[in-house]
Amino acid sequence: MPSARLRRASFQAGGTTIAPEAAVASTGGGPWLIIGGVVAAAALLVAIVVWSSTGQPTPAAVDGDDLDEALVAAAVPQQPEPPIELPVAPVRLDPLTVADRLESALATERLFAKITVHGTVVELRSEFCAQPRLRAIVAKAGPELRTQGVTALYCVELHGARVFTQSL
């Protein structure tokens, strides 16, 4: 048997210990409770200040003679001043921008076309020139193209034959 002086005392706990009940009961969340109380008090103070600063006269602040005037003023809505209208120059888009939008509208319908602007004339190159849907989309974009100074639009098939010409 080993002697007593070789024996070591071990104060290490095993792997399955439980914290003493006094230590568990002492963690009541003291700092968090205080911080939460301070935040709630600040929010209440801000709400009271905002609510009281609306500028409306309280019933105790209005005298008996001024009561009728205050009620009439509260009942009649104030007419806002009309906004000042400044002269605005008309915004003119670039015909290329409108042509790009037309090309995108055709692409969403799977009627692919290559659009080229030659001065005041727009040329569509597509194999779908004979399709009624293409003509409907082109007709829908016509007024916008006309505001950009475009005078005519024609559609040419890929082999070079002109299918239709539309004056704007």
Protein backbone atom coordinates (compact mmCIF):
# COMPACT_ATOMS: atom_id res chain seq x y z
CA MET A 1 0.00 0.00 0.00
CA PRO A 2 1.29 3.40 -0.79
CA SER A 3 2.05 5.65 2.05
CA ALA A 4 -0.07 8.67 2.91
CA ARG A 5 2.53 11.12 1.83
CA LEU A 6 2.45 9.87 -1.79
CA ARG A 7 -1.30 10.21 -2.00
CA ARG A 8 -2.53 13.40 -3.65
CA ALA A 9 -5.77 15.10 -2.76
CA SER A 10 -7.86 15.85 -5.83
CA PHE A 11 -10.33 18.73 -5.79
CA GLN A 12 -11.29 18.33 -9.41
CA ALA A 13 -14.86 17.39 -10.00
CA GLY A 14 -15.96 14.62 -12.27
CA GLY A 15 -17.72 15.28 -15.53
CA THR A 16 -21.27 15.18 -14.18
CA THR A 17 -21.51 17.84 -11.52
CA ILE A 18 -24.34 20.28 -10.96
CA ALA A 19 -23.89 23.90 -9.90
CA PRO A 20 -24.88 24.59 -6.31
CA GLU A 21 -28.41 25.96 -5.87
CA ALA A 22 -27.17 29.17 -4.28
CA ALA A 23 -25.14 30.02 -7.42
CA VAL A 24 -28.12 29.36 -9.73
CA ALA A 25 -30.47 31.49 -7.64
CA SER A 26 -28.05 34.45 -7.57
CA THR A 27 -28.04 34.97 -11.37
CA GLY A 28 -31.22 37.05 -11.56
CA GLY A 29 -30.10 39.16 -14.56
CA GLY A 30 -29.50 42.29 -12.48
CA PRO A 31 -27.61 44.45 -15.04
CA TRP A 32 -29.96 43.56 -17.90
CA LEU A 33 -32.99 44.38 -15.80
CA ILE A 34 -31.57 47.83 -14.99
CA ILE A 35 -30.65 48.55 -18.63
CA GLY A 36 -34.13 47.49 -19.79
CA GLY A 37 -35.74 49.79 -17.22
CA VAL A 38 -33.63 52.76 -18.34
CA VAL A 39 -34.49 52.16 -22.02
CA ALA A 40 -38.21 51.88 -21.24
CA ALA A 41 -38.14 55.09 -19.19
CA ALA A 42 -36.35 56.96 -22.01
CA ALA A 43 -38.89 55.73 -24.57
CA LEU A 44 -41.76 56.84 -22.33
CA LEU A 45 -40.17 60.27 -21.87
CA VAL A 46 -39.69 60.72 -25.65
CA ALA A 47 -43.31 59.67 -26.30
CA ILE A 48 -44.63 62.19 -23.76
CA VAL A 49 -42.54 65.02 -25.23
CA VAL A 50 -43.64 64.25 -28.80
CA TRP A 51 -47.30 63.89 -27.79
CA SER A 52 -47.36 67.15 -25.84
CA SER A 53 -45.60 69.20 -28.55
CA THR A 54 -48.30 68.82 -31.24
CA GLY A 55 -49.16 72.51 -30.95
CA GLN A 56 -52.89 71.95 -30.36
CA PRO A 57 -54.38 74.13 -27.62
CA THR A 58 -55.58 72.17 -24.64
CA PRO A 59 -59.17 72.73 -23.45
CA ALA A 60 -57.89 74.40 -20.26
CA ALA A 61 -55.85 76.92 -22.29
CA VAL A 62 -58.88 78.18 -24.27
CA ASP A 63 -61.00 80.85 -22.55
CA GLY A 64 -64.78 80.87 -22.78
CA ASP A 65 -64.79 83.75 -25.31
CA ASP A 66 -62.14 82.17 -27.45
CA LEU A 67 -63.86 78.77 -27.41
CA ASP A 68 -66.11 79.57 -30.39
CA GLU A 69 -63.19 80.93 -32.42
CA ALA A 70 -61.07 77.90 -31.58
CA LEU A 71 -63.86 75.50 -32.61
CA VAL A 72 -64.45 77.38 -35.89
CA ALA A 73 -60.71 77.43 -36.64
CA ALA A 74 -60.48 73.69 -35.93
CA ALA A 75 -63.55 72.88 -38.05
CA VAL A 76 -62.53 74.91 -41.15
CA PRO A 77 -59.68 73.18 -42.98
CA GLN A 78 -56.81 75.42 -43.96
CA GLN A 79 -56.39 75.81 -47.71
CA PRO A 80 -52.85 75.01 -48.78
CA GLU A 81 -51.12 77.52 -50.96
CA PRO A 82 -50.96 76.44 -54.59
CA PRO A 83 -47.50 75.29 -55.62
CA ILE A 84 -45.43 77.61 -57.74
CA GLU A 85 -45.29 76.30 -61.28
CA LEU A 86 -42.00 76.85 -63.04
CA PRO A 87 -41.77 76.71 -66.81
CA VAL A 88 -40.38 73.35 -67.79
CA ALA A 89 -38.82 72.65 -71.14
CA PRO A 90 -40.25 69.52 -72.79
CA VAL A 91 -38.03 66.51 -72.30
CA ARG A 92 -37.05 64.91 -75.56
CA LEU A 93 -35.75 61.41 -75.48
CA ASP A 94 -33.16 60.16 -77.86
CA PRO A 95 -34.68 58.13 -80.74
CA LEU A 96 -32.09 55.47 -79.98
CA THR A 97 -33.50 55.08 -76.46
CA VAL A 98 -37.00 54.61 -77.84
CA ALA A 99 -35.66 52.18 -80.43
CA ASP A 100 -33.95 50.18 -77.67
CA ARG A 101 -37.23 49.99 -75.76
CA LEU A 102 -39.01 48.83 -78.92
CA GLU A 103 -36.35 46.18 -79.46
CA SER A 104 -36.75 45.00 -75.85
CA ALA A 105 -40.56 44.87 -76.20
CA LEU A 106 -40.20 42.75 -79.33
CA ALA A 107 -37.68 40.47 -77.62
CA THR A 108 -40.04 39.80 -74.69
CA GLU A 109 -42.59 38.54 -77.24
CA ARG A 110 -39.82 36.46 -78.90
CA LEU A 111 -40.09 38.54 -82.05
CA PHE A 112 -36.41 39.35 -82.29
CA ALA A 113 -35.40 42.29 -84.44
CA LYS A 114 -32.36 44.45 -85.01
CA ILE A 115 -33.35 48.13 -85.00
CA THR A 116 -31.27 50.82 -86.67
CA VAL A 117 -31.99 54.57 -86.73
CA HIS A 118 -31.04 56.43 -89.93
CA GLY A 119 -31.75 60.10 -89.22
CA THR A 120 -35.57 60.30 -89.10
CA VAL A 121 -36.18 56.75 -90.38
CA VAL A 122 -36.16 53.58 -88.26
CA GLU A 123 -35.30 50.26 -89.88
CA LEU A 124 -36.30 46.90 -88.38
CA ARG A 125 -34.48 43.78 -89.59
CA SER A 126 -36.35 40.65 -88.59
CA GLU A 127 -37.63 37.39 -89.98
CA PHE A 128 -40.94 38.10 -88.19
CA CYS A 129 -41.96 41.19 -90.22
CA ALA A 130 -45.11 39.45 -91.50
CA GLN A 131 -46.31 38.59 -87.97
CA PRO A 132 -49.38 40.58 -86.79
CA ARG A 133 -48.00 40.76 -83.24
CA LEU A 134 -44.88 42.57 -84.48
CA ARG A 135 -47.01 45.10 -86.35
CA ALA A 136 -49.16 45.67 -83.23
CA ILE A 137 -46.10 46.35 -81.06
CA VAL A 138 -44.65 48.70 -83.70
CA ALA A 139 -47.98 50.54 -83.93
CA LYS A 140 -48.04 50.90 -80.15
CA ALA A 141 -44.54 52.45 -80.17
CA GLY A 142 -45.39 54.76 -83.10
CA PRO A 143 -46.57 57.82 -81.11
CA GLU A 144 -43.48 57.74 -78.92
CA LEU A 145 -41.23 57.51 -81.96
CA ARG A 146 -43.14 60.39 -83.61
CA THR A 147 -42.42 62.63 -80.59
CA GLN A 148 -38.73 61.92 -81.10
CA GLY A 149 -38.78 63.19 -84.67
CA VAL A 150 -39.02 59.84 -86.44
CA THR A 151 -41.04 60.16 -89.67
CA ALA A 152 -41.08 56.60 -91.05
CA LEU A 153 -40.49 53.04 -90.00
CA TYR A 154 -39.97 50.05 -92.27
CA CYS A 155 -39.39 46.37 -91.70
CA VAL A 156 -36.93 44.38 -93.80
CA GLU A 157 -36.61 40.60 -93.73
CA LEU A 158 -33.19 39.08 -93.27
CA HIS A 159 -32.79 38.32 -97.01
CA GLY A 160 -33.40 42.03 -97.83
CA ALA A 161 -37.04 42.24 -98.95
CA ARG A 162 -38.99 45.17 -97.47
CA VAL A 163 -42.24 43.79 -95.98
CA PHE A 164 -43.98 46.96 -94.82
CA THR A 165 -43.43 50.69 -94.45
CA GLN A 166 -45.26 52.74 -91.85
CA SER A 167 -45.40 56.56 -91.88
CA LEU A 168 -45.42 58.21 -88.50
